[in-house]
Protein backbone atom coordinates (compact mmCIF):
# COMPACT_ATOMS: atom_id res chain seq x y z
CA MET A 1 5.70 123.04 243.68
CA GLN A 2 2.83 121.69 245.79
CA GLN A 3 0.53 121.65 242.76
CA ASN A 4 3.16 119.81 240.71
CA GLN A 5 3.44 117.08 243.37
CA GLU A 6 -0.34 116.68 243.53
CA ASP A 7 -0.50 116.40 239.75
CA LEU A 8 2.19 113.70 239.79
CA GLN A 9 0.33 111.78 242.49
CA ARG A 10 -2.93 112.04 240.57
CA ALA A 11 -1.22 110.86 237.36
CA ILE A 12 0.34 107.88 239.15
CA TYR A 13 -3.02 107.04 240.70
CA MET A 14 -4.88 107.21 237.39
CA GLU A 15 -2.26 105.12 235.61
CA PHE A 16 -1.96 102.26 238.12
CA GLN A 17 -5.25 102.04 240.02
CA GLY A 18 -6.79 99.66 237.42
CA PRO A 19 -4.03 97.02 237.56
CA LEU A 20 -3.87 97.31 241.35
CA ARG A 21 -7.61 96.68 241.61
CA THR A 22 -7.22 93.60 239.43
CA VAL A 23 -4.39 92.21 241.57
CA SER A 24 -6.22 92.91 244.84
CA ARG A 25 -9.44 91.41 243.51
CA LYS A 26 -7.60 88.25 242.40
CA MET A 27 -6.20 87.99 245.93
CA GLY A 28 -9.74 87.74 247.27
CA ILE A 29 -10.49 91.25 248.47
CA PRO A 30 -14.28 91.84 248.44
CA TYR A 31 -15.58 94.61 246.15
CA ASP A 32 -16.78 96.61 249.15
CA CYS A 33 -13.27 96.79 250.59
CA LEU A 34 -11.31 97.13 247.36
CA ASP A 35 -11.13 100.93 247.46
CA ASP A 36 -9.77 100.87 251.00
CA VAL A 37 -6.95 98.51 250.05
CA ILE A 38 -6.08 100.58 246.96
CA GLN A 39 -6.08 103.83 248.94
CA GLU A 40 -3.81 102.29 251.59
CA THR A 41 -1.51 101.09 248.82
CA PHE A 42 -1.14 104.56 247.31
CA PHE A 43 -0.83 106.18 250.71
CA SER A 44 2.06 103.84 251.61
CA TYR A 45 3.71 104.45 248.26
CA PHE A 46 3.44 108.25 248.40
CA ARG A 47 4.68 108.30 251.99
CA SER A 48 7.75 106.12 251.38
CA TYR A 49 8.86 106.43 247.76
CA SER A 50 9.92 109.14 245.35
CA LEU A 51 7.50 110.30 242.70
CA ASP A 52 10.36 110.55 240.19
CA LEU A 53 10.88 106.82 239.69
CA GLU A 54 10.45 105.27 236.27
CA PRO A 55 6.93 103.94 235.54
CA ARG A 56 8.22 100.36 235.48
CA GLU A 57 9.69 100.74 239.00
CA GLN A 58 6.57 102.51 240.23
CA LYS A 59 4.38 99.69 239.00
CA ALA A 60 6.59 97.00 240.58
CA ILE A 61 6.59 98.77 243.95
CA LEU A 62 2.87 99.47 243.85
CA MET A 63 2.08 95.85 242.95
CA LYS A 64 4.18 94.59 245.85
CA ILE A 65 2.51 97.01 248.27
CA ALA A 66 -0.96 96.05 246.97
CA LYS A 67 -0.23 92.36 247.46
CA ASN A 68 1.00 93.00 251.00
CA LYS A 69 -2.03 95.17 251.80
CA SER A 70 -4.30 92.42 250.47
CA VAL A 71 -2.62 89.85 252.69
CA ASP A 72 -2.89 92.23 255.65
CA PHE A 73 -6.58 92.71 254.92
CA TYR A 74 -7.11 88.96 254.82
CA ARG A 75 -5.23 88.49 258.08
CA LYS A 76 -7.22 91.19 259.84
CA ASN A 77 -10.68 90.37 258.55
CA SER A 78 -10.95 86.84 257.26
CA ARG A 79 -9.49 84.79 260.05
CA HIS A 80 -12.53 85.03 262.30
CA GLU A 81 -16.13 85.44 261.33
CA SER A 82 -17.59 88.67 262.64
CA VAL A 83 -20.43 88.04 265.05
CA SER A 84 -22.53 90.50 266.99
CA LEU A 85 -22.58 89.75 270.69
CA ASP A 86 -25.91 91.41 271.20
CA ALA A 87 -27.50 89.51 274.11
CA GLY A 88 -30.98 89.70 272.64
CA GLN A 89 -29.94 88.10 269.39
CA TYR A 90 -27.98 85.14 270.75
CA GLY A 91 -29.42 84.58 274.25
CA GLU A 92 -27.86 81.43 275.75
CA GLU A 93 -24.74 81.58 273.57
CA TYR A 94 -24.03 85.09 274.85
CA GLU A 95 -24.44 84.00 278.46
CA THR A 96 -22.14 81.03 277.92
CA LEU A 97 -19.53 83.24 276.28
CA THR A 98 -19.58 85.79 279.08
CA ASP A 99 -19.31 83.02 281.67
CA HIS A 100 -16.09 81.76 280.09
CA VAL A 101 -14.55 85.07 279.09
CA THR A 102 -15.02 87.11 282.26
CA LYS A 103 -12.33 85.44 284.38
CA ASP A 104 -9.25 87.52 284.89
CA THR A 105 -5.70 86.30 285.30
CA ALA A 106 -5.84 86.33 289.11
CA GLU A 107 -8.78 83.91 289.06
CA TYR A 108 -6.86 81.51 286.83
CA ILE A 109 -3.83 81.69 289.12
CA LEU A 110 -5.98 80.97 292.17
CA GLU A 111 -7.59 78.01 290.40
CA ASP A 112 -4.16 76.64 289.48
CA GLU A 113 -2.94 77.07 293.05
CA ALA A 114 -6.04 75.28 294.37
CA CYS A 115 -5.50 72.41 291.91
CA MET A 116 -1.85 72.13 292.94
CA GLU A 117 -2.83 72.13 296.62
CA ILE A 118 -5.37 69.34 296.02
CA TYR A 119 -2.83 67.37 293.99
CA GLN A 120 -0.27 67.72 296.79
CA LYS A 121 -2.90 66.58 299.30
CA LEU A 122 -3.53 63.50 297.15
CA GLN A 123 0.21 62.81 297.06
CA GLY A 124 0.27 62.91 300.87
CA LEU A 125 -2.41 60.24 301.29
CA LYS A 126 -1.70 56.69 302.47
CA ASP A 127 -0.24 54.61 299.65
CA ASP A 128 -3.44 52.51 299.32
CA TRP A 129 -5.53 55.65 298.92
CA LYS A 130 -2.99 57.58 296.86
CA ASP A 131 -2.73 54.95 294.12
CA MET A 132 -6.47 54.65 293.94
CA ALA A 133 -6.99 58.44 293.96
CA LEU A 134 -4.47 58.99 291.17
CA LEU A 135 -5.99 56.29 289.00
CA TYR A 136 -9.61 57.24 289.67
CA PHE A 137 -9.57 61.04 290.05
CA ILE A 138 -6.52 62.13 288.03
CA GLU A 139 -6.36 59.51 285.26
CA GLU A 140 -10.16 59.16 285.27
CA ARG A 141 -10.13 55.39 284.98
CA THR A 142 -13.27 53.39 285.57
CA PRO A 143 -13.77 51.53 288.89
CA VAL A 144 -13.35 48.23 287.04
CA GLU A 145 -9.96 49.32 285.64
CA VAL A 146 -8.79 50.56 289.05
CA CYS A 147 -9.79 47.25 290.65
CA GLU A 148 -7.91 45.29 287.97
CA ILE A 149 -4.75 47.42 288.23
CA LEU A 150 -4.64 47.42 292.05
CA LYS A 151 -6.03 43.88 292.35
CA LEU A 152 -8.90 45.01 294.59
CA LYS A 153 -12.34 43.59 295.12
CA PRO A 154 -15.14 46.00 294.09
CA THR A 155 -16.38 46.20 297.70
CA VAL A 156 -12.91 47.24 298.92
CA PHE A 157 -12.73 49.84 296.16
CA ARG A 158 -16.11 51.36 297.11
CA MET A 159 -15.20 51.41 300.82
CA ARG A 160 -11.84 53.15 300.21
CA LEU A 161 -13.43 55.57 297.76
CA SER A 162 -16.10 56.49 300.29
CA ARG A 163 -13.52 57.06 303.06
CA MET A 164 -11.26 59.01 300.75
CA ARG A 165 -14.10 61.27 299.59
CA LYS A 166 -15.12 61.92 303.20
CA TYR A 167 -11.52 62.74 304.14
CA LEU A 168 -11.07 65.11 301.17
CA ARG A 169 -14.49 66.75 301.74
CA GLU A 170 -13.59 67.49 305.37
CA TRP A 171 -10.19 68.83 304.34
CA LEU A 172 -11.78 71.12 301.71
CA GLU A 173 -14.33 72.41 304.23
CA GLN A 174 -11.50 73.20 306.68
CA ARG A 175 -9.56 74.88 303.92
CA GLU A 176 -12.52 77.09 302.93
CA ASN A 177 -13.56 77.90 306.52
CA PRO A 178 -10.38 78.18 308.60
């Protein structure tokens, strides 16, 4: 019985592996990976379907599985270019990557909390300072634009900016060193 099943599997494999290779190759699977996709196709078929189906049904099912396996292969392997992160090979790029990737979730939460605390501090400033701080620091407008919007002279803008920076610097130092 076991030998009969193996013979059927071998016969199905020999009959349909050629057309499956053609379909997978047309879907863009590289030659080096073609055998893997075909083997996965037959493995899925033998695991899930009867060996007693008519050849026409077998071919239709195998073609569908091969197409799906080809799409899966593309999704897994073609979306991103594979790059070695060997520090010796890429030097500065590797250092930059590790600088940006090494933060964990807690660090991001703390950064967000700090930003929210600073934003709330800006909201609590005197109205003259608050409007200027929101335009200059948050909206990143130029000093000329801020002066035009708030109808300020450039000297008044510089004086308020200097006082505001001093106030915020002192507050940040107190916050860091309670």
